[in-house]
Amino acid sequence: MFLMMKRAFELGYRRYEWKCDALNVPSRAAAQRLGLSFEGIFRQATIYEGRNRDTAWYAAIDTDWPPLEQAFTKWLAPDNFDQHGQQRISLRALTKPLLHE
């Protein structure tokens, strides 16, 4: 995801979006862990498997990208991992302060 976001913003895109079923808690948590801010719920966005599906929207915009890129770079740095490959600082800890309410 880091490489896709990086490329999108390098190409001049202004937004990077993540949309998922509002009931999909793991997907929603992943979006925020990646530093994408919650933008809202589109109620009854579609019908899926015979039920109304609400869609949760998350995004990062171009002005969000520089601090997000720094967070990813810090998280991916070799010194963020111990001799067993365990991260010292989680991505969530680095991106949570960057989320917009």
Protein backbone atom coordinates (compact mmCIF):
# COMPACT_ATOMS: atom_id res chain seq x y z
CA MET A 1 0.00 0.00 0.00
CA PHE A 2 2.89 2.35 0.76
CA LEU A 3 4.26 1.95 -2.76
CA MET A 4 0.83 2.47 -4.36
CA MET A 5 0.20 5.61 -2.31
CA LYS A 6 3.68 6.92 -3.07
CA ARG A 7 3.21 6.36 -6.79
CA ALA A 8 -0.26 7.91 -6.85
CA PHE A 9 0.97 11.11 -5.22
CA GLU A 10 4.13 11.19 -7.38
CA LEU A 11 1.85 11.09 -10.43
CA GLY A 12 -0.01 14.13 -9.15
CA TYR A 13 -3.16 12.50 -7.84
CA ARG A 14 -4.77 14.59 -5.11
CA ARG A 15 -6.57 11.76 -3.26
CA TYR A 16 -5.95 8.15 -2.33
CA GLU A 17 -9.21 6.46 -1.33
CA TRP A 18 -10.21 3.30 0.49
CA LYS A 19 -13.84 2.17 0.43
CA CYS A 20 -15.19 -0.86 2.25
CA ASP A 21 -18.37 -2.33 3.64
CA ALA A 22 -19.16 -0.35 6.78
CA LEU A 23 -19.63 -3.67 8.62
CA ASN A 24 -16.10 -4.84 7.76
CA VAL A 25 -14.32 -3.89 10.98
CA PRO A 26 -10.91 -5.38 10.01
CA SER A 27 -10.87 -3.44 6.72
CA ARG A 28 -11.83 -0.22 8.47
CA ALA A 29 -9.04 -0.72 11.03
CA ALA A 30 -6.54 -1.42 8.23
CA ALA A 31 -7.46 1.82 6.47
CA GLN A 32 -6.76 3.84 9.60
CA ARG A 33 -3.57 1.90 10.37
CA LEU A 34 -2.36 2.98 6.91
CA GLY A 35 -3.07 6.60 7.83
CA LEU A 36 -6.26 7.06 5.85
CA SER A 37 -8.75 9.33 7.60
CA PHE A 38 -12.41 8.40 7.94
CA GLU A 39 -14.60 10.60 5.75
CA GLY A 40 -18.03 9.14 6.34
CA ILE A 41 -20.60 6.50 5.50
CA PHE A 42 -22.51 6.39 2.23
CA ARG A 43 -25.76 4.85 3.40
CA GLN A 44 -27.36 2.25 1.14
CA ALA A 45 -24.57 2.74 -1.38
CA THR A 46 -25.39 -0.53 -3.09
CA ILE A 47 -27.21 -3.82 -2.71
CA TYR A 48 -24.85 -6.69 -1.98
CA GLU A 49 -25.88 -10.31 -1.40
CA GLY A 50 -29.49 -9.26 -0.96
CA ARG A 51 -28.91 -6.55 1.63
CA ASN A 52 -28.32 -2.83 1.62
CA ARG A 53 -24.62 -2.14 1.95
CA ASP A 54 -23.38 1.00 3.62
CA THR A 55 -19.92 2.00 2.40
CA ALA A 56 -17.27 3.51 4.69
CA TRP A 57 -14.92 5.97 2.98
CA TYR A 58 -11.33 6.68 4.01
CA ALA A 59 -8.77 8.84 2.23
CA ALA A 60 -5.44 10.61 2.32
CA ILE A 61 -5.01 13.78 0.33
CA ASP A 62 -1.88 15.25 -1.19
CA THR A 63 -1.20 17.50 1.81
CA ASP A 64 -1.45 14.45 4.12
CA TRP A 65 1.17 12.57 2.14
CA PRO A 66 4.49 14.10 3.34
CA PRO A 67 3.96 13.19 7.02
CA LEU A 68 2.46 9.82 6.05
CA GLU A 69 5.49 9.07 3.89
CA GLN A 70 7.75 9.92 6.84
CA ALA A 71 5.73 7.58 9.07
CA PHE A 72 6.03 4.71 6.58
CA THR A 73 9.74 5.36 6.10
CA LYS A 74 10.32 5.29 9.87
CA TRP A 75 8.25 2.14 10.24
CA LEU A 76 10.04 0.34 7.37
CA ALA A 77 13.54 1.36 8.53
CA PRO A 78 15.78 -1.60 9.43
CA ASP A 79 16.39 -0.20 12.93
CA ASN A 80 12.64 -0.42 13.64
CA PHE A 81 12.96 -4.20 13.76
CA ASP A 82 14.76 -6.26 16.38
CA GLN A 83 16.94 -9.30 15.72
CA HIS A 84 13.81 -11.49 15.54
CA GLY A 85 12.11 -9.28 12.97
CA GLN A 86 9.62 -7.83 15.47
CA GLN A 87 8.71 -4.18 14.97
CA ARG A 88 9.71 -1.77 17.72
CA ILE A 89 7.16 0.92 16.79
CA SER A 90 3.93 -0.11 15.09
CA LEU A 91 2.65 1.57 11.96
CA ARG A 92 -0.54 2.41 13.85
CA ALA A 93 1.42 4.30 16.51
CA LEU A 94 3.08 6.35 13.78
CA THR A 95 -0.04 7.11 11.73
CA LYS A 96 -2.68 7.57 14.44
CA PRO A 97 -1.54 11.14 15.29
CA LEU A 98 -1.87 12.02 11.58
CA LEU A 99 -5.54 11.04 11.21
CA HIS A 100 -8.09 13.79 10.71
CA GLU A 101 -11.26 13.70 12.75
